Amino acid sequence: MAQRVAVVTGGMGGLGEAICIKLSAMGYKVVSTYSPGNKKSAEWLSDMKKQGHDFRAVAADVADFESCNRAISEIAKEIGAVDVLVNNAGITRDMTFRKMDKPNWDAVTKTNLDSVFNMTKPVIDGMAERGWGRIINVSSVNGQKGAFGQTNYSAAKAGMHGFTKALALEYARKGVTVNTISPGYIGTKMVLAIPKDILDSKIVPQIPIGRLGKPEEVAGLVAYLCSEEAAFVTGANIAINGGQHMA
């Protein structure tokens, strides 16, 4: 069987990188997308190469449908048809709703939710035609329970799972599974940038396990959902939050 191709949006971030490494270890050809404005893609690829990971990278503005179409066409031409898609790219623009303006609402919903349509649309019918595919949408605990100052982010992340459930129904008989994962607070650069006193006094005490999650733990869950053993799991939203929220 030919080596399968996995695409991870936002693969150069802390969580995305861990997912790329895990999928590569499973034998996938791994492609990370990156924002066209990211000037460090070549440096990241070089660093990964030094660590023994032969990744590819393709520029894609995940908030723009045509940019995503071009990226998927490039991947198909140069690497192969996409078998696994991990919709991981996301941003935050936190503020209370009273202070939130339309640009900050749009930036988050386009990058975190529209991107799921933009990246999935060009790949899913090919998966169905081949009779095998995996789509994993990376949501958030805050899409499940809400979060103060995150109406934009929480709405987008909750919307991802509505998309998951409906699409899972449409493609269930075609060998394509569609699932959501909802991480809690993971020890990525973004989370570790929160002042330590806030982490120690406000965030970690909310987590029954008593620590931040590890990117590798989330990557392990993604790896399972990409596997043959997960063929009966579709339309699910799997929490990985250390017990912080149980729904």
C-alpha atoms as a PDB file:
ATOM      1  CA  MET A   1       0.000   0.000   0.000  1.00  0.00           C
ATOM      2  CA  ALA A   2       1.263   3.463  -0.871  1.00  0.00           C
ATOM      3  CA  GLN A   3       2.350   5.695   1.980  1.00  0.00           C
ATOM      4  CA  ARG A   4      -0.574   7.823   3.104  1.00  0.00           C
ATOM      5  CA  VAL A   5      -0.471  11.623   3.220  1.00  0.00           C
ATOM      6  CA  ALA A   6      -1.435  13.618   6.308  1.00  0.00           C
ATOM      7  CA  VAL A   7      -1.960  17.391   6.299  1.00  0.00           C
ATOM      8  CA  VAL A   8      -1.822  19.335   9.561  1.00  0.00           C
ATOM      9  CA  THR A   9      -2.920  22.965   9.444  1.00  0.00           C
ATOM     10  CA  GLY A  10      -0.922  25.179  11.773  1.00  0.00           C
ATOM     11  CA  GLY A  11       1.593  22.359  12.041  1.00  0.00           C
ATOM     12  CA  MET A  12       4.461  24.600  13.034  1.00  0.00           C
ATOM     13  CA  GLY A  13       2.947  25.588  16.390  1.00  0.00           C
ATOM     14  CA  GLY A  14       3.547  23.657  19.598  1.00  0.00           C
ATOM     15  CA  LEU A  15       0.552  21.356  19.335  1.00  0.00           C
ATOM     16  CA  GLY A  16       0.725  21.088  15.552  1.00  0.00           C
ATOM     17  CA  GLU A  17       4.402  20.161  15.661  1.00  0.00           C
ATOM     18  CA  ALA A  18       3.734  17.361  18.146  1.00  0.00           C
ATOM     19  CA  ILE A  19       0.968  16.045  15.881  1.00  0.00           C
ATOM     20  CA  CYS A  20       3.275  16.162  12.842  1.00  0.00           C
ATOM     21  CA  ILE A  21       5.974  14.222  14.703  1.00  0.00           C
ATOM     22  CA  LYS A  22       3.507  11.578  15.884  1.00  0.00           C
ATOM     23  CA  LEU A  23       1.928  11.062  12.461  1.00  0.00           C
ATOM     24  CA  SER A  24       5.347  10.817  10.862  1.00  0.00           C
ATOM     25  CA  ALA A  25       6.257   8.104  13.383  1.00  0.00           C
ATOM     26  CA  MET A  26       3.126   6.231  12.257  1.00  0.00           C
ATOM     27  CA  GLY A  27       4.462   6.208   8.697  1.00  0.00           C
ATOM     28  CA  TYR A  28       2.538   9.074   7.117  1.00  0.00           C
ATOM     29  CA  LYS A  29       3.999  11.573   4.688  1.00  0.00           C
ATOM     30  CA  VAL A  30       3.381  14.725   6.720  1.00  0.00           C
ATOM     31  CA  VAL A  31       2.628  18.156   5.294  1.00  0.00           C
ATOM     32  CA  SER A  32       2.212  21.228   7.470  1.00  0.00           C
ATOM     33  CA  THR A  33       0.443  24.308   6.227  1.00  0.00           C
ATOM     34  CA  TYR A  34       1.702  27.689   7.311  1.00  0.00           C
ATOM     35  CA  SER A  35       0.484  31.240   6.991  1.00  0.00           C
ATOM     36  CA  PRO A  36       1.838  33.011   3.890  1.00  0.00           C
ATOM     37  CA  GLY A  37       3.185  35.674   6.251  1.00  0.00           C
ATOM     38  CA  ASN A  38       5.234  33.169   8.242  1.00  0.00           C
ATOM     39  CA  LYS A  39       8.905  33.861   7.483  1.00  0.00           C
ATOM     40  CA  LYS A  40      10.215  30.956   9.573  1.00  0.00           C
ATOM     41  CA  SER A  41       8.893  27.979   7.617  1.00  0.00           C
ATOM     42  CA  ALA A  42      12.261  27.097   6.081  1.00  0.00           C
ATOM     43  CA  GLU A  43      13.910  27.375   9.500  1.00  0.00           C
ATOM     44  CA  TRP A  44      11.286  25.076  11.016  1.00  0.00           C
ATOM     45  CA  LEU A  45      11.722  22.492   8.265  1.00  0.00           C
ATOM     46  CA  SER A  46      15.483  22.616   8.766  1.00  0.00           C
ATOM     47  CA  ASP A  47      15.141  22.171  12.523  1.00  0.00           C
ATOM     48  CA  MET A  48      12.794  19.238  12.026  1.00  0.00           C
ATOM     49  CA  LYS A  49      15.181  17.711   9.491  1.00  0.00           C
ATOM     50  CA  LYS A  50      18.000  17.863  12.064  1.00  0.00           C
ATOM     51  CA  GLN A  51      15.737  15.951  14.434  1.00  0.00           C
ATOM     52  CA  GLY A  52      15.151  13.287  11.788  1.00  0.00           C
ATOM     53  CA  HIS A  53      11.737  14.397  10.522  1.00  0.00           C
ATOM     54  CA  ASP A  54      11.316  14.798   6.773  1.00  0.00           C
ATOM     55  CA  PHE A  55       8.257  17.047   6.660  1.00  0.00           C
ATOM     56  CA  ARG A  56       6.916  19.136   3.796  1.00  0.00           C
ATOM     57  CA  ALA A  57       5.353  22.572   4.157  1.00  0.00           C
ATOM     58  CA  VAL A  58       2.867  24.440   1.977  1.00  0.00           C
ATOM     59  CA  ALA A  59       1.660  28.022   2.369  1.00  0.00           C
ATOM     60  CA  ALA A  60      -2.083  28.408   2.881  1.00  0.00           C
ATOM     61  CA  ASP A  61      -4.224  31.156   4.309  1.00  0.00           C
ATOM     62  CA  VAL A  62      -6.747  28.857   5.981  1.00  0.00           C
ATOM     63  CA  ALA A  63      -9.258  31.712   6.193  1.00  0.00           C
ATOM     64  CA  ASP A  64      -9.297  31.971   2.383  1.00  0.00           C
ATOM     65  CA  PHE A  65     -11.014  29.259   0.337  1.00  0.00           C
ATOM     66  CA  GLU A  66      -9.039  29.800  -2.868  1.00  0.00           C
ATOM     67  CA  SER A  67      -5.740  29.755  -0.991  1.00  0.00           C
ATOM     68  CA  CYS A  68      -6.696  26.394   0.531  1.00  0.00           C
ATOM     69  CA  ASN A  69      -7.695  25.028  -2.873  1.00  0.00           C
ATOM     70  CA  ARG A  70      -4.327  26.022  -4.295  1.00  0.00           C
ATOM     71  CA  ALA A  71      -2.492  24.434  -1.380  1.00  0.00           C
ATOM     72  CA  ILE A  72      -4.345  21.129  -1.698  1.00  0.00           C
ATOM     73  CA  SER A  73      -3.738  21.081  -5.460  1.00  0.00           C
ATOM     74  CA  GLU A  74      -0.028  21.637  -4.855  1.00  0.00           C
ATOM     75  CA  ILE A  75       0.079  18.839  -2.281  1.00  0.00           C
ATOM     76  CA  ALA A  76      -1.778  16.436  -4.582  1.00  0.00           C
ATOM     77  CA  LYS A  77       0.565  17.212  -7.478  1.00  0.00           C
ATOM     78  CA  GLU A  78       3.870  17.081  -5.588  1.00  0.00           C
ATOM     79  CA  ILE A  79       3.221  14.647  -2.718  1.00  0.00           C
ATOM     80  CA  GLY A  80      -0.048  12.790  -3.193  1.00  0.00           C
ATOM     81  CA  ALA A  81      -3.750  12.803  -2.445  1.00  0.00           C
ATOM     82  CA  VAL A  82      -4.633  13.748   1.122  1.00  0.00           C
ATOM     83  CA  ASP A  83      -5.758  10.836   3.325  1.00  0.00           C
ATOM     84  CA  VAL A  84      -5.694  12.537   6.738  1.00  0.00           C
ATOM     85  CA  LEU A  85      -6.593  16.142   7.505  1.00  0.00           C
ATOM     86  CA  VAL A  86      -6.035  17.634  10.941  1.00  0.00           C
ATOM     87  CA  ASN A  87      -7.728  21.035  11.201  1.00  0.00           C
ATOM     88  CA  ASN A  88      -5.519  22.450  13.922  1.00  0.00           C
ATOM     89  CA  ALA A  89      -4.892  26.079  12.901  1.00  0.00           C
ATOM     90  CA  GLY A  90      -6.373  28.661  15.225  1.00  0.00           C
ATOM     91  CA  ILE A  91      -5.955  32.087  16.764  1.00  0.00           C
ATOM     92  CA  THR A  92      -7.291  34.009  19.735  1.00  0.00           C
ATOM     93  CA  ARG A  93      -8.387  37.631  20.019  1.00  0.00           C
ATOM     94  CA  ASP A  94      -9.625  37.704  23.605  1.00  0.00           C
ATOM     95  CA  MET A  95     -11.736  40.518  25.020  1.00  0.00           C
ATOM     96  CA  THR A  96     -15.129  40.946  26.613  1.00  0.00           C
ATOM     97  CA  PHE A  97     -18.060  41.058  24.234  1.00  0.00           C
ATOM     98  CA  ARG A  98     -18.662  44.671  25.227  1.00  0.00           C
ATOM     99  CA  LYS A  99     -15.242  45.594  23.837  1.00  0.00           C
ATOM    100  CA  MET A 100     -15.254  43.206  20.888  1.00  0.00           C
ATOM    101  CA  ASP A 101     -15.455  44.730  17.432  1.00  0.00           C
ATOM    102  CA  LYS A 102     -16.350  43.119  14.131  1.00  0.00           C
ATOM    103  CA  PRO A 103     -12.754  42.729  12.868  1.00  0.00           C
ATOM    104  CA  ASN A 104     -11.782  40.738  15.968  1.00  0.00           C
ATOM    105  CA  TRP A 105     -14.908  38.613  15.700  1.00  0.00           C
ATOM    106  CA  ASP A 106     -14.292  37.952  12.003  1.00  0.00           C
ATOM    107  CA  ALA A 107     -10.587  37.177  12.397  1.00  0.00           C
ATOM    108  CA  VAL A 108     -11.275  34.383  14.877  1.00  0.00           C
ATOM    109  CA  THR A 109     -14.328  32.880  13.208  1.00  0.00           C
ATOM    110  CA  LYS A 110     -12.687  32.890   9.775  1.00  0.00           C
ATOM    111  CA  THR A 111      -9.429  31.352  10.985  1.00  0.00           C
ATOM    112  CA  ASN A 112     -10.929  28.879  13.465  1.00  0.00           C
ATOM    113  CA  LEU A 113     -14.209  27.874  11.810  1.00  0.00           C
ATOM    114  CA  ASP A 114     -14.334  28.896   8.143  1.00  0.00           C
ATOM    115  CA  SER A 115     -10.931  27.217   7.801  1.00  0.00           C
ATOM    116  CA  VAL A 116     -12.514  23.845   8.561  1.00  0.00           C
ATOM    117  CA  PHE A 117     -14.777  24.196   5.511  1.00  0.00           C
ATOM    118  CA  ASN A 118     -11.984  25.685   3.407  1.00  0.00           C
ATOM    119  CA  MET A 119      -9.576  22.801   4.024  1.00  0.00           C
ATOM    120  CA  THR A 120     -12.072  19.943   4.165  1.00  0.00           C
ATOM    121  CA  LYS A 121     -13.991  20.759   0.985  1.00  0.00           C
ATOM    122  CA  PRO A 122     -11.077  20.104  -1.431  1.00  0.00           C
ATOM    123  CA  VAL A 123     -10.097  16.743   0.119  1.00  0.00           C
ATOM    124  CA  ILE A 124     -13.138  14.847   1.368  1.00  0.00           C
ATOM    125  CA  ASP A 125     -14.614  13.643  -1.906  1.00  0.00           C
ATOM    126  CA  GLY A 126     -11.250  12.183  -2.889  1.00  0.00           C
ATOM    127  CA  MET A 127     -11.142  10.343   0.428  1.00  0.00           C
ATOM    128  CA  ALA A 128     -14.638   8.974  -0.225  1.00  0.00           C
ATOM    129  CA  GLU A 129     -13.719   7.838  -3.748  1.00  0.00           C
ATOM    130  CA  ARG A 130     -10.725   5.928  -2.355  1.00  0.00           C
ATOM    131  CA  GLY A 131     -12.851   4.505   0.480  1.00  0.00           C
ATOM    132  CA  TRP A 132     -10.643   5.746   3.318  1.00  0.00           C
ATOM    133  CA  GLY A 133     -10.098   9.044   5.099  1.00  0.00           C
ATOM    134  CA  ARG A 134      -9.677  10.679   8.468  1.00  0.00           C
ATOM    135  CA  ILE A 135     -10.642  14.226   9.429  1.00  0.00           C
ATOM    136  CA  ILE A 136      -9.827  15.457  12.933  1.00  0.00           C
ATOM    137  CA  ASN A 137     -11.008  18.900  14.016  1.00  0.00           C
ATOM    138  CA  VAL A 138      -9.111  20.410  16.935  1.00  0.00           C
ATOM    139  CA  SER A 139     -11.610  22.308  19.070  1.00  0.00           C
ATOM    140  CA  SER A 140     -11.187  23.349  22.719  1.00  0.00           C
ATOM    141  CA  VAL A 141     -12.556  22.843  26.202  1.00  0.00           C
ATOM    142  CA  ASN A 142     -13.745  26.439  25.893  1.00  0.00           C
ATOM    143  CA  GLY A 143     -15.907  25.462  22.946  1.00  0.00           C
ATOM    144  CA  GLN A 144     -17.660  23.055  25.325  1.00  0.00           C
ATOM    145  CA  LYS A 145     -18.022  25.181  28.441  1.00  0.00           C
ATOM    146  CA  GLY A 146     -17.461  28.764  27.247  1.00  0.00           C
ATOM    147  CA  ALA A 147     -14.878  31.150  28.615  1.00  0.00           C
ATOM    148  CA  PHE A 148     -14.995  34.734  29.839  1.00  0.00           C
ATOM    149  CA  GLY A 149     -13.656  37.042  27.128  1.00  0.00           C
ATOM    150  CA  GLN A 150     -13.884  34.422  24.390  1.00  0.00           C
ATOM    151  CA  THR A 151     -17.276  34.722  22.727  1.00  0.00           C
ATOM    152  CA  ASN A 152     -15.571  34.655  19.314  1.00  0.00           C
ATOM    153  CA  TYR A 153     -13.260  31.732  20.107  1.00  0.00           C
ATOM    154  CA  SER A 154     -15.856  29.688  22.001  1.00  0.00           C
ATOM    155  CA  ALA A 155     -18.437  30.154  19.237  1.00  0.00           C
ATOM    156  CA  ALA A 156     -15.983  29.096  16.530  1.00  0.00           C
ATOM    157  CA  LYS A 157     -14.746  26.085  18.468  1.00  0.00           C
ATOM    158  CA  ALA A 158     -18.283  24.958  19.301  1.00  0.00           C
ATOM    159  CA  GLY A 159     -19.210  25.364  15.638  1.00  0.00           C
ATOM    160  CA  MET A 160     -16.441  22.971  14.664  1.00  0.00           C
ATOM    161  CA  HIS A 161     -18.201  20.117  16.420  1.00  0.00           C
ATOM    162  CA  GLY A 162     -21.547  20.857  14.791  1.00  0.00           C
ATOM    163  CA  PHE A 163     -19.713  20.595  11.473  1.00  0.00           C
ATOM    164  CA  THR A 164     -18.106  17.318  12.614  1.00  0.00           C
ATOM    165  CA  LYS A 165     -21.402  15.664  13.519  1.00  0.00           C
ATOM    166  CA  ALA A 166     -23.188  16.578  10.303  1.00  0.00           C
ATOM    167  CA  LEU A 167     -20.263  15.653   8.038  1.00  0.00           C
ATOM    168  CA  ALA A 168     -19.725  12.366   9.882  1.00  0.00           C
ATOM    169  CA  LEU A 169     -23.291  11.371   9.017  1.00  0.00           C
ATOM    170  CA  GLU A 170     -22.851  12.239   5.352  1.00  0.00           C
ATOM    171  CA  TYR A 171     -19.647  10.224   4.891  1.00  0.00           C
ATOM    172  CA  ALA A 172     -20.086   7.390   7.404  1.00  0.00           C
ATOM    173  CA  ARG A 173     -20.683   4.749   4.718  1.00  0.00           C
ATOM    174  CA  LYS A 174     -17.811   5.929   2.543  1.00  0.00           C
ATOM    175  CA  GLY A 175     -14.910   4.925   4.800  1.00  0.00           C
ATOM    176  CA  VAL A 176     -14.302   8.479   6.012  1.00  0.00           C
ATOM    177  CA  THR A 177     -14.453   9.282   9.724  1.00  0.00           C
ATOM    178  CA  VAL A 178     -14.854  12.819  11.058  1.00  0.00           C
ATOM    179  CA  ASN A 179     -14.128  13.575  14.701  1.00  0.00           C
ATOM    180  CA  THR A 180     -13.475  16.454  17.077  1.00  0.00           C
ATOM    181  CA  ILE A 181     -10.998  16.599  19.918  1.00  0.00           C
ATOM    182  CA  SER A 182     -11.314  19.236  22.630  1.00  0.00           C
ATOM    183  CA  PRO A 183      -8.047  19.863  24.471  1.00  0.00           C
ATOM    184  CA  GLY A 184      -7.897  21.749  27.732  1.00  0.00           C
ATOM    185  CA  TYR A 185      -4.879  23.800  28.769  1.00  0.00           C
ATOM    186  CA  ILE A 186      -1.834  22.286  27.069  1.00  0.00           C
ATOM    187  CA  GLY A 187       1.757  23.321  27.741  1.00  0.00           C
ATOM    188  CA  THR A 188       2.343  25.040  24.410  1.00  0.00           C
ATOM    189  CA  LYS A 189       4.198  28.315  23.946  1.00  0.00           C
ATOM    190  CA  MET A 190       0.869  30.147  23.742  1.00  0.00           C
ATOM    191  CA  VAL A 191      -0.295  28.837  27.119  1.00  0.00           C
ATOM    192  CA  LEU A 192       3.111  29.114  28.769  1.00  0.00           C
ATOM    193  CA  ALA A 193       3.154  32.792  27.743  1.00  0.00           C
ATOM    194  CA  ILE A 194       0.421  33.354  30.340  1.00  0.00           C
ATOM    195  CA  PRO A 195       2.043  34.887  33.452  1.00  0.00           C
ATOM    196  CA  LYS A 196       3.119  32.130  35.842  1.00  0.00           C
ATOM    197  CA  ASP A 197       1.163  33.584  38.745  1.00  0.00           C
ATOM    198  CA  ILE A 198      -2.027  33.413  36.665  1.00  0.00           C
ATOM    199  CA  LEU A 199      -1.278  29.842  35.569  1.00  0.00           C
ATOM    200  CA  ASP A 200      -0.546  28.759  39.140  1.00  0.00           C
ATOM    201  CA  SER A 201      -3.426  30.578  40.829  1.00  0.00           C
ATOM    202  CA  LYS A 202      -6.229  30.586  38.226  1.00  0.00           C
ATOM    203  CA  ILE A 203      -5.728  27.838  35.642  1.00  0.00           C
ATOM    204  CA  VAL A 204      -3.962  24.801  37.101  1.00  0.00           C
ATOM    205  CA  PRO A 205      -6.258  24.705  40.177  1.00  0.00           C
ATOM    206  CA  GLN A 206      -9.201  24.147  37.769  1.00  0.00           C
ATOM    207  CA  ILE A 207      -7.571  20.956  36.432  1.00  0.00           C
ATOM    208  CA  PRO A 208      -8.211  17.911  38.640  1.00  0.00           C
ATOM    209  CA  ILE A 209      -5.070  16.165  37.385  1.00  0.00           C
ATOM    210  CA  GLY A 210      -3.165  19.202  38.701  1.00  0.00           C
ATOM    211  CA  ARG A 211      -1.006  20.084  35.708  1.00  0.00           C
ATOM    212  CA  LEU A 212      -1.078  21.295  32.127  1.00  0.00           C
ATOM    213  CA  GLY A 213      -1.447  18.700  29.407  1.00  0.00           C
ATOM    214  CA  LYS A 214       1.458  17.759  27.174  1.00  0.00           C
ATOM    215  CA  PRO A 215       1.330  18.320  23.398  1.00  0.00           C
ATOM    216  CA  GLU A 216       2.460  14.714  22.959  1.00  0.00           C
ATOM    217  CA  GLU A 217      -0.627  13.503  24.839  1.00  0.00           C
ATOM    218  CA  VAL A 218      -2.928  15.315  22.434  1.00  0.00           C
ATOM    219  CA  ALA A 219      -0.885  14.036  19.487  1.00  0.00           C
ATOM    220  CA  GLY A 220      -1.405  10.502  20.775  1.00  0.00           C
ATOM    221  CA  LEU A 221      -5.170  10.989  20.668  1.00  0.00           C
ATOM    222  CA  VAL A 222      -4.973  12.330  17.114  1.00  0.00           C
ATOM    223  CA  ALA A 223      -2.826   9.335  16.161  1.00  0.00           C
ATOM    224  CA  TYR A 224      -5.453   6.942  17.472  1.00  0.00           C
ATOM    225  CA  LEU A 225      -8.230   8.661  15.519  1.00  0.00           C
ATOM    226  CA  CYS A 226      -6.086   8.372  12.377  1.00  0.00           C
ATOM    227  CA  SER A 227      -5.536   4.659  12.857  1.00  0.00           C
ATOM    228  CA  GLU A 228      -7.282   1.614  11.441  1.00  0.00           C
ATOM    229  CA  GLU A 229      -8.426   0.733  14.971  1.00  0.00           C
ATOM    230  CA  ALA A 230     -10.511   3.935  15.123  1.00  0.00           C
ATOM    231  CA  ALA A 231     -12.635   3.075  12.075  1.00  0.00           C
ATOM    232  CA  PHE A 232     -15.773   2.748  14.246  1.00  0.00           C
ATOM    233  CA  VAL A 233     -15.303   6.175  15.872  1.00  0.00           C
ATOM    234  CA  THR A 234     -17.007   8.965  13.960  1.00  0.00           C
ATOM    235  CA  GLY A 235     -18.962  12.069  14.911  1.00  0.00           C
ATOM    236  CA  ALA A 236     -17.356  12.021  18.363  1.00  0.00           C
ATOM    237  CA  ASN A 237     -16.022  14.881  20.451  1.00  0.00           C
ATOM    238  CA  ILE A 238     -13.289  13.521  22.692  1.00  0.00           C
ATOM    239  CA  ALA A 239     -12.279  15.689  25.638  1.00  0.00           C
ATOM    240  CA  ILE A 240      -8.628  15.712  26.678  1.00  0.00           C
ATOM    241  CA  ASN A 241      -8.543  18.233  29.493  1.00  0.00           C
ATOM    242  CA  GLY A 242      -7.312  16.549  32.667  1.00  0.00           C
ATOM    243  CA  GLY A 243     -10.846  16.393  34.054  1.00  0.00           C
ATOM    244  CA  GLN A 244     -11.403  20.143  33.881  1.00  0.00           C
ATOM    245  CA  HIS A 245     -14.759  19.776  32.138  1.00  0.00           C
ATOM    246  CA  MET A 246     -16.867  16.646  31.847  1.00  0.00           C
ATOM    247  CA  ALA A 247     -19.821  16.697  29.490  1.00  0.00           C
END
